[in-house]
C-alpha atoms as a PDB file:
ATOM      1  CA  MET A   1       5.507 147.262  41.736  1.00  0.00           C
ATOM      2  CA  LEU A   2       9.162 146.625  40.298  1.00  0.00           C
ATOM      3  CA  GLU A   3       9.758 145.620  37.450  1.00  0.00           C
ATOM      4  CA  ILE A   4      13.569 145.428  35.544  1.00  0.00           C
ATOM      5  CA  ARG A   5      13.872 145.343  31.499  1.00  0.00           C
ATOM      6  CA  ASP A   6      16.857 144.331  30.258  1.00  0.00           C
ATOM      7  CA  LEU A   7      18.952 146.157  32.481  1.00  0.00           C
ATOM      8  CA  GLU A   8      23.085 146.680  31.419  1.00  0.00           C
ATOM      9  CA  CYS A   9      25.053 148.450  33.989  1.00  0.00           C
ATOM     10  CA  ARG A  10      28.655 148.781  33.205  1.00  0.00           C
ATOM     11  CA  TYR A  11      32.084 150.281  34.919  1.00  0.00           C
ATOM     12  CA  GLY A  12      34.215 151.905  32.249  1.00  0.00           C
ATOM     13  CA  SER A  13      34.470 149.350  29.657  1.00  0.00           C
ATOM     14  CA  VAL A  14      33.268 146.134  31.629  1.00  0.00           C
ATOM     15  CA  ALA A  15      29.893 145.291  31.440  1.00  0.00           C
ATOM     16  CA  ALA A  16      28.557 144.359  35.016  1.00  0.00           C
ATOM     17  CA  LEU A  17      25.124 143.502  34.406  1.00  0.00           C
ATOM     18  CA  LYS A  18      23.949 142.026  31.108  1.00  0.00           C
ATOM     19  CA  GLY A  19      20.722 142.459  30.216  1.00  0.00           C
ATOM     20  CA  VAL A  20      19.152 141.369  33.346  1.00  0.00           C
ATOM     21  CA  SER A  21      15.376 141.445  33.538  1.00  0.00           C
ATOM     22  CA  LEU A  22      13.270 140.988  37.201  1.00  0.00           C
ATOM     23  CA  SER A  23      10.527 141.772  39.175  1.00  0.00           C
ATOM     24  CA  VAL A  24       9.064 142.176  42.171  1.00  0.00           C
ATOM     25  CA  GLU A  25       5.484 142.198  42.978  1.00  0.00           C
ATOM     26  CA  LYS A  26       3.509 144.006  45.933  1.00  0.00           C
ATOM     27  CA  GLY A  27       4.208 142.118  49.278  1.00  0.00           C
ATOM     28  CA  GLN A  28       6.976 140.304  48.254  1.00  0.00           C
ATOM     29  CA  ILE A  29      10.185 139.090  49.214  1.00  0.00           C
ATOM     30  CA  VAL A  30      12.832 138.205  46.440  1.00  0.00           C
ATOM     31  CA  ALA A  31      15.772 137.163  46.631  1.00  0.00           C
ATOM     32  CA  LEU A  32      18.423 137.542  44.166  1.00  0.00           C
ATOM     33  CA  ILE A  33      21.906 135.130  44.918  1.00  0.00           C
ATOM     34  CA  GLY A  34      24.843 134.547  43.123  1.00  0.00           C
ATOM     35  CA  ALA A  35      28.908 134.504  43.802  1.00  0.00           C
ATOM     36  CA  ASN A  36      31.401 137.351  44.303  1.00  0.00           C
ATOM     37  CA  GLY A  37      31.253 139.777  41.200  1.00  0.00           C
ATOM     38  CA  ALA A  38      27.926 138.078  39.973  1.00  0.00           C
ATOM     39  CA  GLY A  39      26.429 141.457  40.173  1.00  0.00           C
ATOM     40  CA  LYS A  40      24.001 141.472  42.515  1.00  0.00           C
ATOM     41  CA  SER A  41      25.597 144.932  44.872  1.00  0.00           C
ATOM     42  CA  THR A  42      25.542 146.659  40.875  1.00  0.00           C
ATOM     43  CA  MET A  43      21.894 145.656  40.392  1.00  0.00           C
ATOM     44  CA  LEU A  44      21.088 147.214  44.025  1.00  0.00           C
ATOM     45  CA  ARG A  45      23.379 150.739  42.921  1.00  0.00           C
ATOM     46  CA  SER A  46      20.956 151.232  40.113  1.00  0.00           C
ATOM     47  CA  LEU A  47      17.874 151.019  41.780  1.00  0.00           C
ATOM     48  CA  SER A  48      18.521 153.279  44.433  1.00  0.00           C
ATOM     49  CA  GLY A  49      19.986 155.788  41.709  1.00  0.00           C
ATOM     50  CA  LEU A  50      23.494 155.140  42.573  1.00  0.00           C
ATOM     51  CA  LEU A  51      24.340 154.253  39.197  1.00  0.00           C
ATOM     52  CA  GLN A  52      22.839 155.048  36.056  1.00  0.00           C
ATOM     53  CA  PRO A  53      22.255 152.105  33.770  1.00  0.00           C
ATOM     54  CA  SER A  54      23.576 152.163  29.975  1.00  0.00           C
ATOM     55  CA  ARG A  55      20.453 150.199  28.815  1.00  0.00           C
ATOM     56  CA  GLY A  56      17.193 148.754  30.060  1.00  0.00           C
ATOM     57  CA  SER A  57      14.362 149.910  32.462  1.00  0.00           C
ATOM     58  CA  ILE A  58      13.441 150.074  35.528  1.00  0.00           C
ATOM     59  CA  ILE A  59       9.644 151.008  36.384  1.00  0.00           C
ATOM     60  CA  PHE A  60       9.018 151.284  39.513  1.00  0.00           C
ATOM     61  CA  GLU A  61       4.631 152.044  39.979  1.00  0.00           C
ATOM     62  CA  GLY A  62       4.480 152.524  36.572  1.00  0.00           C
ATOM     63  CA  GLU A  63       7.027 154.718  36.420  1.00  0.00           C
ATOM     64  CA  ASP A  64      10.565 154.568  34.510  1.00  0.00           C
ATOM     65  CA  ILE A  65      13.111 155.540  37.553  1.00  0.00           C
ATOM     66  CA  ALA A  66      16.464 154.418  35.855  1.00  0.00           C
ATOM     67  CA  LEU A  67      17.291 157.751  35.806  1.00  0.00           C
ATOM     68  CA  CYS A  68      16.607 158.944  38.923  1.00  0.00           C
ATOM     69  CA  SER A  69      18.735 160.379  41.418  1.00  0.00           C
ATOM     70  CA  PRO A  70      19.165 158.502  45.010  1.00  0.00           C
ATOM     71  CA  PRO A  71      17.251 161.041  46.798  1.00  0.00           C
ATOM     72  CA  GLN A  72      14.509 161.517  44.226  1.00  0.00           C
ATOM     73  CA  VAL A  73      14.235 157.243  43.632  1.00  0.00           C
ATOM     74  CA  LEU A  74      13.863 157.716  47.798  1.00  0.00           C
ATOM     75  CA  LYS A  75      11.294 160.395  47.878  1.00  0.00           C
ATOM     76  CA  ARG A  76       9.066 157.727  45.304  1.00  0.00           C
ATOM     77  CA  GLY A  77       9.428 154.700  48.288  1.00  0.00           C
ATOM     78  CA  ILE A  78      12.732 152.897  47.730  1.00  0.00           C
ATOM     79  CA  ALA A  79      15.322 152.573  50.389  1.00  0.00           C
ATOM     80  CA  HIS A  80      18.742 150.509  49.844  1.00  0.00           C
ATOM     81  CA  CYS A  81      20.332 149.149  53.641  1.00  0.00           C
ATOM     82  CA  PRO A  82      23.995 148.969  52.140  1.00  0.00           C
ATOM     83  CA  GLU A  83      26.503 145.913  52.423  1.00  0.00           C
ATOM     84  CA  GLY A  84      28.365 146.612  55.919  1.00  0.00           C
ATOM     85  CA  ARG A  85      25.450 148.592  57.087  1.00  0.00           C
ATOM     86  CA  HIS A  86      27.162 152.022  57.460  1.00  0.00           C
ATOM     87  CA  VAL A  87      25.916 153.110  60.363  1.00  0.00           C
ATOM     88  CA  PHE A  88      27.612 156.809  61.296  1.00  0.00           C
ATOM     89  CA  PRO A  89      29.564 155.652  63.987  1.00  0.00           C
ATOM     90  CA  ASP A  90      30.086 158.836  66.252  1.00  0.00           C
ATOM     91  CA  MET A  91      26.697 159.521  66.351  1.00  0.00           C
ATOM     92  CA  SER A  92      24.111 158.131  68.653  1.00  0.00           C
ATOM     93  CA  VAL A  93      21.411 155.588  67.580  1.00  0.00           C
ATOM     94  CA  GLU A  94      18.784 158.238  67.661  1.00  0.00           C
ATOM     95  CA  ALA A  95      20.831 160.777  65.702  1.00  0.00           C
ATOM     96  CA  ASN A  96      21.362 157.626  62.891  1.00  0.00           C
ATOM     97  CA  LEU A  97      17.420 156.951  63.005  1.00  0.00           C
ATOM     98  CA  GLU A  98      17.066 160.689  61.928  1.00  0.00           C
ATOM     99  CA  MET A  99      19.267 160.785  59.161  1.00  0.00           C
ATOM    100  CA  GLY A 100      16.516 158.381  57.376  1.00  0.00           C
ATOM    101  CA  ALA A 101      13.955 160.627  58.000  1.00  0.00           C
ATOM    102  CA  TYR A 102      15.267 163.486  56.463  1.00  0.00           C
ATOM    103  CA  LEU A 103      12.523 163.764  53.832  1.00  0.00           C
ATOM    104  CA  ASN A 104       9.917 164.063  56.395  1.00  0.00           C
ATOM    105  CA  ARG A 105       9.512 167.881  57.721  1.00  0.00           C
ATOM    106  CA  ASP A 106       6.471 166.634  59.986  1.00  0.00           C
ATOM    107  CA  GLY A 107       7.419 166.396  63.778  1.00  0.00           C
ATOM    108  CA  LYS A 108       4.479 164.776  64.671  1.00  0.00           C
ATOM    109  CA  GLY A 109       4.799 161.969  61.988  1.00  0.00           C
ATOM    110  CA  ARG A 110       8.521 161.626  62.539  1.00  0.00           C
ATOM    111  CA  LYS A 111       7.583 160.920  66.628  1.00  0.00           C
ATOM    112  CA  GLU A 112       5.236 158.159  65.049  1.00  0.00           C
ATOM    113  CA  ASP A 113       8.160 156.979  63.073  1.00  0.00           C
ATOM    114  CA  PHE A 114      10.407 156.656  65.798  1.00  0.00           C
ATOM    115  CA  GLU A 115       7.628 154.331  67.731  1.00  0.00           C
ATOM    116  CA  ARG A 116       7.384 152.182  64.976  1.00  0.00           C
ATOM    117  CA  VAL A 117      11.096 151.348  64.408  1.00  0.00           C
ATOM    118  CA  TYR A 118      11.226 151.171  68.421  1.00  0.00           C
ATOM    119  CA  THR A 119       8.114 149.065  68.096  1.00  0.00           C
ATOM    120  CA  LEU A 120       9.866 146.585  65.651  1.00  0.00           C
ATOM    121  CA  PHE A 121      13.278 146.628  67.480  1.00  0.00           C
ATOM    122  CA  PRO A 122      12.647 146.715  71.034  1.00  0.00           C
ATOM    123  CA  LEU A 123      16.772 146.417  71.388  1.00  0.00           C
ATOM    124  CA  VAL A 124      17.242 149.947  69.212  1.00  0.00           C
ATOM    125  CA  HIS A 125      15.219 151.697  71.604  1.00  0.00           C
ATOM    126  CA  GLU A 126      17.135 150.767  74.960  1.00  0.00           C
ATOM    127  CA  ARG A 127      20.496 151.807  73.029  1.00  0.00           C
ATOM    128  CA  ARG A 128      19.573 154.607  71.186  1.00  0.00           C
ATOM    129  CA  SER A 129      21.636 157.097  73.187  1.00  0.00           C
ATOM    130  CA  GLN A 130      24.456 154.637  72.328  1.00  0.00           C
ATOM    131  CA  LEU A 131      27.189 155.736  69.846  1.00  0.00           C
ATOM    132  CA  ALA A 132      26.098 153.266  66.919  1.00  0.00           C
ATOM    133  CA  GLY A 133      29.739 152.120  66.252  1.00  0.00           C
ATOM    134  CA  THR A 134      30.120 150.705  70.094  1.00  0.00           C
ATOM    135  CA  LEU A 135      27.030 148.459  68.886  1.00  0.00           C
ATOM    136  CA  SER A 136      27.639 144.469  67.685  1.00  0.00           C
ATOM    137  CA  GLY A 137      27.623 143.598  64.104  1.00  0.00           C
ATOM    138  CA  GLY A 138      23.951 142.556  64.609  1.00  0.00           C
ATOM    139  CA  GLU A 139      23.017 145.498  66.706  1.00  0.00           C
ATOM    140  CA  GLN A 140      23.832 147.807  63.839  1.00  0.00           C
ATOM    141  CA  GLN A 141      22.392 145.868  61.055  1.00  0.00           C
ATOM    142  CA  MET A 142      18.863 146.993  63.075  1.00  0.00           C
ATOM    143  CA  VAL A 143      20.105 150.323  63.143  1.00  0.00           C
ATOM    144  CA  ALA A 144      20.362 150.382  59.175  1.00  0.00           C
ATOM    145  CA  MET A 145      17.031 148.737  58.932  1.00  0.00           C
ATOM    146  CA  GLY A 146      15.465 151.013  61.442  1.00  0.00           C
ATOM    147  CA  ARG A 147      17.012 153.974  59.539  1.00  0.00           C
ATOM    148  CA  ALA A 148      15.631 152.767  55.820  1.00  0.00           C
ATOM    149  CA  LEU A 149      12.164 152.475  57.659  1.00  0.00           C
ATOM    150  CA  MET A 150      12.062 156.227  58.461  1.00  0.00           C
ATOM    151  CA  ALA A 151      11.860 157.136  55.068  1.00  0.00           C
ATOM    152  CA  HIS A 152       8.311 155.254  54.472  1.00  0.00           C
ATOM    153  CA  PRO A 153       9.800 152.549  51.987  1.00  0.00           C
ATOM    154  CA  LYS A 154       7.518 150.781  49.791  1.00  0.00           C
ATOM    155  CA  LEU A 155      10.299 148.500  49.212  1.00  0.00           C
ATOM    156  CA  LEU A 156      14.103 148.264  50.806  1.00  0.00           C
ATOM    157  CA  LEU A 157      17.192 146.611  49.365  1.00  0.00           C
ATOM    158  CA  MET A 158      18.983 144.852  51.136  1.00  0.00           C
ATOM    159  CA  ASP A 159      22.350 144.218  50.379  1.00  0.00           C
ATOM    160  CA  GLU A 160      24.102 141.208  51.849  1.00  0.00           C
ATOM    161  CA  PRO A 161      22.468 141.355  55.473  1.00  0.00           C
ATOM    162  CA  SER A 162      24.434 138.254  56.987  1.00  0.00           C
ATOM    163  CA  MET A 163      28.312 139.725  55.989  1.00  0.00           C
ATOM    164  CA  GLY A 164      30.154 139.839  59.107  1.00  0.00           C
ATOM    165  CA  LEU A 165      27.600 138.582  61.679  1.00  0.00           C
ATOM    166  CA  ALA A 166      28.220 135.785  63.803  1.00  0.00           C
ATOM    167  CA  PRO A 167      26.544 132.682  62.361  1.00  0.00           C
ATOM    168  CA  ILE A 168      24.638 132.562  65.407  1.00  0.00           C
ATOM    169  CA  LEU A 169      22.783 136.342  64.658  1.00  0.00           C
ATOM    170  CA  VAL A 170      22.493 135.729  61.204  1.00  0.00           C
ATOM    171  CA  GLU A 171      19.339 134.003  62.027  1.00  0.00           C
ATOM    172  CA  ARG A 172      17.805 136.526  64.300  1.00  0.00           C
ATOM    173  CA  SER A 173      18.755 138.638  61.587  1.00  0.00           C
ATOM    174  CA  PHE A 174      16.301 137.040  58.549  1.00  0.00           C
ATOM    175  CA  GLU A 175      13.952 136.958  62.032  1.00  0.00           C
ATOM    176  CA  ASN A 176      14.261 140.477  62.026  1.00  0.00           C
ATOM    177  CA  ILE A 177      14.227 140.735  58.001  1.00  0.00           C
ATOM    178  CA  GLN A 178      10.773 139.240  57.982  1.00  0.00           C
ATOM    179  CA  GLN A 179       9.338 141.267  60.890  1.00  0.00           C
ATOM    180  CA  VAL A 180      10.168 144.727  58.836  1.00  0.00           C
ATOM    181  CA  HIS A 181       8.479 142.326  55.743  1.00  0.00           C
ATOM    182  CA  GLN A 182       5.362 141.791  57.910  1.00  0.00           C
ATOM    183  CA  SER A 183       4.886 145.304  58.626  1.00  0.00           C
ATOM    184  CA  GLY A 184       4.149 145.765  54.978  1.00  0.00           C
ATOM    185  CA  VAL A 185       7.206 146.497  52.972  1.00  0.00           C
ATOM    186  CA  ALA A 186       8.553 145.115  50.373  1.00  0.00           C
ATOM    187  CA  MET A 187      12.082 143.172  49.700  1.00  0.00           C
ATOM    188  CA  LEU A 188      14.584 142.833  47.256  1.00  0.00           C
ATOM    189  CA  ILE A 189      17.332 140.670  49.202  1.00  0.00           C
ATOM    190  CA  VAL A 190      20.881 140.417  47.712  1.00  0.00           C
ATOM    191  CA  GLU A 191      22.607 137.527  50.070  1.00  0.00           C
ATOM    192  CA  GLN A 192      25.619 135.008  49.820  1.00  0.00           C
ATOM    193  CA  ASN A 193      23.912 132.690  52.222  1.00  0.00           C
ATOM    194  CA  ALA A 194      21.792 131.110  49.438  1.00  0.00           C
ATOM    195  CA  ASN A 195      19.232 128.480  52.340  1.00  0.00           C
ATOM    196  CA  MET A 196      18.655 131.366  54.127  1.00  0.00           C
ATOM    197  CA  ALA A 197      17.481 133.971  51.755  1.00  0.00           C
ATOM    198  CA  LEU A 198      15.405 131.191  49.410  1.00  0.00           C
ATOM    199  CA  SER A 199      13.891 130.230  52.734  1.00  0.00           C
ATOM    200  CA  ILE A 200      12.001 133.570  53.669  1.00  0.00           C
ATOM    201  CA  ALA A 201      11.318 134.575  49.964  1.00  0.00           C
ATOM    202  CA  ASP A 202       8.556 134.658  47.252  1.00  0.00           C
ATOM    203  CA  ARG A 203      10.622 134.389  44.426  1.00  0.00           C
ATOM    204  CA  GLY A 204      14.528 133.788  43.940  1.00  0.00           C
ATOM    205  CA  TYR A 205      16.816 134.592  40.742  1.00  0.00           C
ATOM    206  CA  VAL A 206      20.253 133.869  39.993  1.00  0.00           C
ATOM    207  CA  LEU A 207      22.934 136.028  39.027  1.00  0.00           C
ATOM    208  CA  SER A 208      26.023 134.878  37.112  1.00  0.00           C
ATOM    209  CA  THR A 209      28.441 136.832  35.559  1.00  0.00           C
ATOM    210  CA  GLY A 210      25.936 139.871  34.995  1.00  0.00           C
ATOM    211  CA  ARG A 211      23.292 137.519  33.359  1.00  0.00           C
ATOM    212  CA  CYS A 212      20.114 135.957  35.533  1.00  0.00           C
ATOM    213  CA  VAL A 213      21.006 132.034  34.606  1.00  0.00           C
ATOM    214  CA  LEU A 214      17.657 130.470  36.352  1.00  0.00           C
ATOM    215  CA  GLU A 215      14.926 132.542  38.496  1.00  0.00           C
ATOM    216  CA  GLY A 216      11.446 130.839  39.825  1.00  0.00           C
ATOM    217  CA  PRO A 217       9.709 130.473  43.193  1.00  0.00           C
ATOM    218  CA  ALA A 218      11.892 130.508  46.120  1.00  0.00           C
ATOM    219  CA  ASN A 219      10.779 126.489  47.118  1.00  0.00           C
ATOM    220  CA  GLU A 220      11.320 125.568  43.818  1.00  0.00           C
ATOM    221  CA  LEU A 221      15.094 126.690  43.512  1.00  0.00           C
ATOM    222  CA  LEU A 222      15.649 125.284  46.837  1.00  0.00           C
ATOM    223  CA  ALA A 223      15.178 121.886  45.410  1.00  0.00           C
ATOM    224  CA  HIS A 224      16.965 122.956  42.113  1.00  0.00           C
ATOM    225  CA  GLU A 225      20.002 120.297  41.946  1.00  0.00           C
ATOM    226  CA  ASP A 226      22.213 122.567  40.180  1.00  0.00           C
ATOM    227  CA  LEU A 227      21.626 125.218  42.534  1.00  0.00           C
ATOM    228  CA  ARG A 228      22.062 123.458  45.488  1.00  0.00           C
ATOM    229  CA  LYS A 229      25.692 121.982  44.359  1.00  0.00           C
ATOM    230  CA  ALA A 230      26.453 125.491  43.449  1.00  0.00           C
ATOM    231  CA  TYR A 231      25.269 127.489  46.369  1.00  0.00           C
ATOM    232  CA  LEU A 232      23.479 125.552  48.962  1.00  0.00           C
ATOM    233  CA  GLY A 233      26.286 123.092  49.589  1.00  0.00           C
ATOM    234  CA  ARG A 234      24.241 120.081  49.441  1.00  0.00           C
END
């Protein structure tokens, strides 16, 4: 589904990604882990068209999308849940979801999209008339995921879904991620909580200072001694 080859991204003279390659197969959850500044969010920004790479290719369903704009990337089936959720705080929950459906002009289809999101996240339905800015962090995460699903993504990019959440809500957030995955959406998850991300993933990649230093099946990475010491705290 997605194959990234020898990707390099720069901010001015600084290389944030240095020849990274990774892949996501249809139906997979892939975890991308690493410390702050490793290049994880840069990877997602390049995939969603917010940052054009200086070298390499991003092949999605057989097409190189490295130079596509964000709307073009979204239209091809890649949606991005950004770090910090970024809901529109002064708009209702339902209006926030509507923003994710702007590519879908079919009124009937849009109604079905709302129903799909509300079925996945009943609490979002309960809060649909509430201002998004008044929701808790966990509730805003559900709204952000629902907004992305309104675009019918084939691949969902999740950037630090547990960031800012109370520990008791982190597990619930990952349960929501699994629900979305089970609805038929492949996922690439950037996450500092390596243990949680790898526990639900099929494969994992570890970034360090812009380079991929380790990759493999998620269960093997969980058992990797160096990874346990560096990221899993055990």
